[in-house]
Amino acid sequence: MSESRVQLYLECRNLDALCEELTEHGFKFEQPPTDLDSLWTEARLRDPDGHQLRLYRDDGNRLNPPWRIN
């Protein structure tokens, strides 16, 4: 299978609880919930076709990052 370039971002308010529940149901994460330099928390896994799914929580920083220039 060739490397897929599709990345689907899904915002999740209860990211940690969701990832825990998905793990209990057998989902395998490539990256567990991780705090990123962008001020997001992101977890990564793949769907059955190999597309990357990124589950994230941004705590309002996606639209209003602290470095935003008004």
N, C-alpha and C. Protein backbone atom coordinates (compact mmCIF):
# COMPACT_ATOMS: atom_id res chain seq x y z
N MET A 1 0.85 -1.17 0.00
CA MET A 1 0.00 0.00 0.00
C MET A 1 0.90 1.23 0.00
N SER A 2 0.60 2.20 -0.85
CA SER A 2 1.38 3.42 -0.90
C SER A 2 0.97 4.34 0.26
N GLU A 3 1.88 5.22 0.61
CA GLU A 3 1.63 6.17 1.70
C GLU A 3 0.51 7.13 1.31
N SER A 4 -0.50 7.23 2.13
CA SER A 4 -1.62 8.14 1.89
C SER A 4 -1.25 9.54 2.35
N ARG A 5 -1.65 10.53 1.59
CA ARG A 5 -1.40 11.91 1.98
C ARG A 5 -2.65 12.57 2.56
N VAL A 6 -3.73 11.82 2.65
CA VAL A 6 -4.97 12.35 3.22
C VAL A 6 -4.81 12.43 4.73
N GLN A 7 -5.12 13.60 5.28
CA GLN A 7 -5.11 13.79 6.73
C GLN A 7 -6.42 14.45 7.11
N LEU A 8 -7.17 13.78 7.94
CA LEU A 8 -8.46 14.29 8.38
C LEU A 8 -8.32 14.75 9.83
N TYR A 9 -8.63 16.03 10.08
CA TYR A 9 -8.55 16.59 11.43
C TYR A 9 -9.94 16.61 12.04
N LEU A 10 -10.06 16.08 13.25
CA LEU A 10 -11.33 16.06 13.96
C LEU A 10 -11.13 16.69 15.33
N GLU A 11 -11.84 17.78 15.58
CA GLU A 11 -11.73 18.45 16.88
C GLU A 11 -12.53 17.68 17.93
N CYS A 12 -11.91 17.41 19.06
CA CYS A 12 -12.52 16.63 20.13
C CYS A 12 -12.34 17.37 21.45
N ARG A 13 -13.43 17.76 22.06
CA ARG A 13 -13.33 18.49 23.33
C ARG A 13 -12.82 17.61 24.46
N ASN A 14 -13.20 16.33 24.48
CA ASN A 14 -12.77 15.39 25.51
C ASN A 14 -11.76 14.42 24.91
N LEU A 15 -10.68 14.95 24.39
CA LEU A 15 -9.72 14.15 23.64
C LEU A 15 -9.14 13.00 24.44
N ASP A 16 -8.69 13.25 25.65
CA ASP A 16 -8.07 12.19 26.44
C ASP A 16 -9.04 11.04 26.72
N ALA A 17 -10.27 11.38 27.10
CA ALA A 17 -11.27 10.35 27.38
C ALA A 17 -11.63 9.57 26.12
N LEU A 18 -11.74 10.27 25.00
CA LEU A 18 -12.06 9.61 23.73
C LEU A 18 -10.95 8.64 23.33
N CYS A 19 -9.71 9.07 23.45
CA CYS A 19 -8.59 8.20 23.07
C CYS A 19 -8.52 6.99 23.98
N GLU A 20 -8.80 7.17 25.24
CA GLU A 20 -8.81 6.05 26.17
C GLU A 20 -9.91 5.05 25.78
N GLU A 21 -11.08 5.56 25.46
CA GLU A 21 -12.19 4.69 25.06
C GLU A 21 -11.87 3.95 23.76
N LEU A 22 -11.31 4.67 22.78
CA LEU A 22 -10.96 4.02 21.51
C LEU A 22 -9.90 2.94 21.71
N THR A 23 -8.93 3.19 22.59
CA THR A 23 -7.90 2.20 22.88
C THR A 23 -8.52 0.96 23.51
N GLU A 24 -9.48 1.15 24.41
CA GLU A 24 -10.18 0.02 25.03
C GLU A 24 -10.94 -0.82 24.00
N HIS A 25 -11.33 -0.19 22.89
CA HIS A 25 -12.05 -0.90 21.83
C HIS A 25 -11.10 -1.43 20.75
N GLY A 26 -9.80 -1.38 20.99
CA GLY A 26 -8.84 -2.00 20.09
C GLY A 26 -8.19 -1.09 19.06
N PHE A 27 -8.46 0.21 19.09
CA PHE A 27 -7.82 1.12 18.15
C PHE A 27 -6.36 1.32 18.56
N LYS A 28 -5.48 1.36 17.56
CA LYS A 28 -4.05 1.54 17.80
C LYS A 28 -3.64 2.95 17.36
N PHE A 29 -3.08 3.70 18.27
CA PHE A 29 -2.65 5.07 17.98
C PHE A 29 -1.18 5.09 17.58
N GLU A 30 -0.87 5.84 16.52
CA GLU A 30 0.52 6.08 16.14
C GLU A 30 1.15 7.09 17.09
N GLN A 31 0.32 7.98 17.60
CA GLN A 31 0.76 8.99 18.57
C GLN A 31 -0.36 9.18 19.57
N PRO A 32 -0.10 8.96 20.85
CA PRO A 32 -1.13 9.22 21.86
C PRO A 32 -1.33 10.73 21.99
N PRO A 33 -2.32 11.19 22.73
CA PRO A 33 -2.50 12.63 22.91
C PRO A 33 -1.19 13.28 23.38
N THR A 34 -0.73 14.23 22.57
CA THR A 34 0.57 14.87 22.80
C THR A 34 0.41 16.37 22.67
N ASP A 35 0.96 17.12 23.62
CA ASP A 35 0.95 18.58 23.55
C ASP A 35 1.97 19.02 22.52
N LEU A 36 1.53 19.84 21.55
CA LEU A 36 2.40 20.29 20.47
C LEU A 36 2.82 21.75 20.69
N ASP A 37 3.87 22.17 19.99
CA ASP A 37 4.34 23.56 20.07
C ASP A 37 3.27 24.55 19.60
N SER A 38 2.35 24.09 18.77
CA SER A 38 1.28 24.94 18.24
C SER A 38 0.19 25.22 19.27
N LEU A 39 0.36 24.68 20.49
CA LEU A 39 -0.59 24.81 21.60
C LEU A 39 -1.84 23.96 21.39
N TRP A 40 -1.75 22.96 20.52
CA TRP A 40 -2.79 21.96 20.36
C TRP A 40 -2.37 20.71 21.10
N THR A 41 -3.32 19.87 21.42
CA THR A 41 -3.04 18.50 21.85
C THR A 41 -3.58 17.61 20.74
N GLU A 42 -2.76 16.70 20.26
CA GLU A 42 -3.13 15.93 19.08
C GLU A 42 -2.78 14.45 19.26
N ALA A 43 -3.68 13.59 18.78
CA ALA A 43 -3.45 12.14 18.73
C ALA A 43 -3.60 11.71 17.28
N ARG A 44 -2.83 10.70 16.87
CA ARG A 44 -2.86 10.26 15.48
C ARG A 44 -3.10 8.75 15.39
N LEU A 45 -3.93 8.39 14.43
CA LEU A 45 -4.18 7.00 14.10
C LEU A 45 -4.55 6.92 12.64
N ARG A 46 -4.72 5.71 12.11
CA ARG A 46 -5.07 5.55 10.69
C ARG A 46 -6.37 4.77 10.56
N ASP A 47 -7.11 5.11 9.49
CA ASP A 47 -8.32 4.34 9.20
C ASP A 47 -7.91 3.07 8.45
N PRO A 48 -8.85 2.16 8.18
CA PRO A 48 -8.50 0.91 7.51
C PRO A 48 -7.85 1.08 6.13
N ASP A 49 -8.08 2.21 5.46
CA ASP A 49 -7.46 2.45 4.16
C ASP A 49 -6.11 3.15 4.26
N GLY A 50 -5.66 3.42 5.48
CA GLY A 50 -4.35 4.03 5.67
C GLY A 50 -4.35 5.54 5.75
N HIS A 51 -5.52 6.16 5.69
CA HIS A 51 -5.59 7.62 5.81
C HIS A 51 -5.32 8.03 7.25
N GLN A 52 -4.56 9.10 7.42
CA GLN A 52 -4.23 9.55 8.75
C GLN A 52 -5.38 10.36 9.36
N LEU A 53 -5.75 9.98 10.57
CA LEU A 53 -6.77 10.70 11.33
C LEU A 53 -6.06 11.41 12.47
N ARG A 54 -6.31 12.70 12.59
CA ARG A 54 -5.71 13.48 13.66
C ARG A 54 -6.83 14.02 14.54
N LEU A 55 -6.87 13.54 15.74
CA LEU A 55 -7.85 14.00 16.71
C LEU A 55 -7.16 15.07 17.54
N TYR A 56 -7.81 16.23 17.69
CA TYR A 56 -7.13 17.31 18.40
C TYR A 56 -8.07 18.10 19.30
N ARG A 57 -7.43 18.77 20.24
CA ARG A 57 -8.10 19.74 21.10
C ARG A 57 -7.22 20.98 21.06
N ASP A 58 -7.82 22.13 20.77
CA ASP A 58 -7.01 23.34 20.61
C ASP A 58 -7.20 24.38 21.72
N ASP A 59 -8.16 24.17 22.59
CA ASP A 59 -8.42 25.10 23.70
C ASP A 59 -8.51 26.55 23.24
N GLY A 60 -9.06 26.77 22.03
CA GLY A 60 -9.26 28.12 21.51
C GLY A 60 -8.06 28.70 20.77
N ASN A 61 -6.95 27.96 20.70
CA ASN A 61 -5.74 28.50 20.08
C ASN A 61 -5.73 28.39 18.56
N ARG A 62 -6.63 27.63 17.98
CA ARG A 62 -6.67 27.51 16.51
C ARG A 62 -7.06 28.85 15.88
N LEU A 63 -8.07 29.49 16.42
CA LEU A 63 -8.53 30.76 15.87
C LEU A 63 -7.88 31.97 16.52
N ASN A 64 -7.45 31.83 17.76
CA ASN A 64 -6.88 32.96 18.48
C ASN A 64 -5.59 32.56 19.20
N PRO A 65 -4.54 32.27 18.44
CA PRO A 65 -3.28 31.90 19.09
C PRO A 65 -2.67 33.12 19.79
N PRO A 66 -1.90 32.90 20.85
CA PRO A 66 -1.33 34.02 21.59
C PRO A 66 -0.38 34.89 20.74
N TRP A 67 0.15 34.36 19.65
CA TRP A 67 1.06 35.12 18.81
C TRP A 67 0.35 35.86 17.68
N ARG A 68 -0.96 35.82 17.67
CA ARG A 68 -1.75 36.47 16.61
C ARG A 68 -1.57 37.98 16.67
N ILE A 69 -1.38 38.60 15.51
CA ILE A 69 -1.24 40.06 15.40
C ILE A 69 -2.59 40.64 15.06
N ASN A 70 -3.07 41.55 15.86
CA ASN A 70 -4.37 42.18 15.60
C ASN A 70 -4.25 43.32 14.64
